[in-house]
Every structure is written in structure tokens, then in C-alpha cells.
Amino acid sequence: MRVGVLHRWAWAALLGAIVLASPERAARAADPDPWFGSDKALHFGASAGIASAGYGMAAIGYDERWPRFLWGGGVGLAAGVGKECADSLGAGQASWKDLTWDVLGVAVGLGVAWLLDVAISRDRLPKRVENRVTRSE
């Protein structure tokens, strides 16, 4: 797969996530916790921001990308799970739907951070991917 194709897929995934996260797109009045409520967009956006910031901060200390993914994903998921734990203890109403949007936000945040990392770094792709790209051309 060429890098241009990878970028197109990433942009398509990001656009799909934005459309899905639009506030109360398909909310029903009878559902007290709709899948597309405005709070879900906040969970998605906050988790994406926290995960990408964690990836970026880890980039300062690690040359390889896998620890950056671990730190970004860990920090993002810890924030989402921590919020839901606090909600279950009385700070709000815990929701599996909120946690689902947190996980989706973490995934998109890590994807965006990785794409930016690849775009601005000197070693654009790992050697294994680079070898596959050059062999297929």
C-alpha cells in the first residue's frame, strides 16, 4: 500500500468519525443516554486530544513509535475509564456509551498523531513498510 493511499484512508476515517460524532444526530427523546448525544462528542473529542497529546509527549522521550502508541493510548484510556469510574461513584451517571466514544476518540487521536509524526519526521515509514512499498512498485 502506498503512503498516498494510507493518507486517503486516514482522512476518510477521520471524516467518518466526525460525521458520527455530530451532536444528537439520531437522538431519541425517550432515550436518556443517546448514542449521538452532545456529551458523546465531548467524550470523543477529549479522548482524541488527550491520546494525541500523550503520543506527542512520548515522542520527546522515545525514538520508536510503539512506546508513543502505548503512552498515548494508555493516557487516553485512563482518562476515559477514570471519568466513568468517578461517574459510577456519584460524580455523574456512568455510561458504556460514553466509554465507547472514549475508545473511538483514543483510536482516532492516535491515528492523527501517528499521521502527523510520519508527515514531519525524517524517517517517514518503518523499514518493513518501506520495503513493501518499494517492492510493489
Protein backbone atom coordinates (compact mmCIF):
# COMPACT_ATOMS: atom_id res chain seq x y z
CA MET A 1 0.00 0.00 0.00
CA ARG A 2 1.44 3.36 -0.96
CA VAL A 3 1.63 6.24 1.52
CA GLY A 4 -0.88 8.29 -0.51
CA VAL A 5 -3.46 5.53 -0.20
CA LEU A 6 -2.83 5.32 3.55
CA HIS A 7 -3.42 9.05 3.91
CA ARG A 8 -6.68 8.83 1.95
CA TRP A 9 -7.92 6.07 4.23
CA ALA A 10 -6.94 8.07 7.31
CA TRP A 11 -8.80 11.14 6.05
CA ALA A 12 -11.85 9.01 5.24
CA ALA A 13 -11.78 7.51 8.75
CA LEU A 14 -11.47 10.95 10.33
CA LEU A 15 -14.35 12.32 8.25
CA GLY A 16 -16.49 9.32 9.18
CA ALA A 17 -15.73 9.81 12.87
CA ILE A 18 -16.68 13.50 12.67
CA VAL A 19 -19.97 12.67 11.00
CA LEU A 20 -20.72 10.00 13.60
CA ALA A 21 -19.82 12.34 16.44
CA SER A 22 -22.15 15.13 15.32
CA PRO A 23 -24.26 16.10 18.34
CA GLU A 24 -27.64 14.48 18.69
CA ARG A 25 -27.83 13.45 15.07
CA ALA A 26 -30.03 10.48 15.79
CA ALA A 27 -31.02 11.01 19.42
CA ARG A 28 -34.45 9.93 20.53
CA ALA A 29 -36.41 11.80 23.20
CA ALA A 30 -37.20 8.55 25.06
CA ASP A 31 -33.52 7.55 25.42
CA PRO A 32 -31.89 9.33 28.40
CA ASP A 33 -28.41 8.42 27.09
CA PRO A 34 -28.50 8.59 23.28
CA TRP A 35 -25.58 7.24 21.25
CA PHE A 36 -25.21 10.56 19.43
CA GLY A 37 -25.83 12.99 22.30
CA SER A 38 -23.76 16.13 22.69
CA ASP A 39 -21.86 14.60 25.61
CA LYS A 40 -20.64 11.81 23.32
CA ALA A 41 -18.97 14.35 21.05
CA LEU A 42 -17.25 15.78 24.13
CA HIS A 43 -16.05 12.31 25.18
CA PHE A 44 -14.79 11.63 21.66
CA GLY A 45 -13.02 14.97 21.29
CA ALA A 46 -11.46 14.99 24.74
CA SER A 47 -10.19 11.43 24.38
CA ALA A 48 -8.77 12.15 20.92
CA GLY A 49 -6.99 15.24 22.23
CA ILE A 50 -5.62 13.51 25.32
CA ALA A 51 -4.40 10.48 23.34
CA SER A 52 -2.70 12.58 20.68
CA ALA A 53 -1.10 14.78 23.35
CA GLY A 54 0.14 11.65 25.13
CA TYR A 55 1.62 10.38 21.86
CA GLY A 56 3.29 13.74 21.29
CA MET A 57 4.72 13.92 24.79
CA ALA A 58 6.08 10.38 24.48
CA ALA A 59 7.77 11.40 21.22
CA ILE A 60 10.08 13.59 23.29
CA GLY A 61 11.43 10.60 25.17
CA TYR A 62 11.18 7.72 22.70
CA ASP A 63 12.63 7.33 19.22
CA GLU A 64 10.50 4.32 18.30
CA ARG A 65 6.80 4.71 17.62
CA TRP A 66 5.40 1.77 19.59
CA PRO A 67 6.07 3.35 23.04
CA ARG A 68 4.39 6.52 21.80
CA PHE A 69 1.27 4.49 20.96
CA LEU A 70 1.36 2.85 24.38
CA TRP A 71 1.68 6.16 26.23
CA GLY A 72 -0.92 7.96 24.12
CA GLY A 73 -3.40 5.10 24.30
CA GLY A 74 -2.76 4.50 27.98
CA VAL A 75 -3.22 8.12 28.97
CA GLY A 76 -6.34 8.50 26.81
CA LEU A 77 -7.95 5.30 28.08
CA ALA A 78 -7.02 6.09 31.68
CA ALA A 79 -8.76 9.44 31.39
CA GLY A 80 -11.92 7.88 29.95
CA VAL A 81 -12.06 4.99 32.40
CA GLY A 82 -11.26 7.34 35.27
CA LYS A 83 -14.13 9.62 34.30
CA GLU A 84 -16.56 6.70 34.13
CA CYS A 85 -15.32 5.38 37.49
CA ALA A 86 -15.89 8.81 39.02
CA ASP A 87 -19.36 8.86 37.48
CA SER A 88 -20.16 5.45 38.94
CA LEU A 89 -19.16 6.74 42.39
CA GLY A 90 -21.64 9.59 42.22
CA ALA A 91 -19.99 12.34 40.19
CA GLY A 92 -22.43 11.70 37.35
CA GLN A 93 -24.04 8.81 35.53
CA ALA A 94 -21.69 6.12 34.28
CA SER A 95 -22.33 5.02 30.71
CA TRP A 96 -20.93 2.30 28.50
CA LYS A 97 -21.83 4.52 25.56
CA ASP A 98 -19.56 7.26 26.93
CA LEU A 99 -16.74 4.75 27.32
CA THR A 100 -17.28 3.52 23.76
CA TRP A 101 -16.89 7.07 22.46
CA ASP A 102 -13.79 7.46 24.62
CA VAL A 103 -12.23 4.38 22.98
CA LEU A 104 -13.13 5.64 19.50
CA GLY A 105 -11.65 9.04 20.33
CA VAL A 106 -8.42 7.43 21.55
CA ALA A 107 -8.14 5.43 18.32
CA VAL A 108 -8.68 8.49 16.13
CA GLY A 109 -6.36 10.63 18.26
CA LEU A 110 -3.58 8.07 17.96
CA GLY A 111 -4.17 7.80 14.22
CA VAL A 112 -3.96 11.54 13.72
CA ALA A 113 -0.87 11.81 15.92
CA TRP A 114 0.81 8.98 14.00
CA LEU A 115 -0.01 10.58 10.65
CA LEU A 116 1.47 13.88 11.81
CA ASP A 117 4.51 12.05 13.14
CA VAL A 118 5.05 10.29 9.82
CA ALA A 119 4.47 13.51 7.88
CA ILE A 120 7.02 15.59 9.78
CA SER A 121 9.64 13.04 10.77
CA ARG A 122 12.78 12.25 8.82
CA ASP A 123 12.18 8.51 8.72
CA ARG A 124 8.78 8.56 7.07
CA LEU A 125 7.93 4.87 7.36
CA PRO A 126 9.29 1.93 9.29
CA LYS A 127 11.77 -0.14 7.26
CA ARG A 128 9.36 -3.08 6.89
CA VAL A 129 6.64 -0.90 5.37
CA GLU A 130 9.16 0.97 3.22
CA ASN A 131 10.46 -2.35 1.82
CA ARG A 132 6.93 -3.47 0.95
CA VAL A 133 6.22 -0.21 -0.83
CA THR A 134 9.40 -0.33 -2.90
CA ARG A 135 8.89 -4.00 -3.81
CA SER A 136 5.34 -3.43 -5.09
CA GLU A 137 6.29 -0.57 -7.40
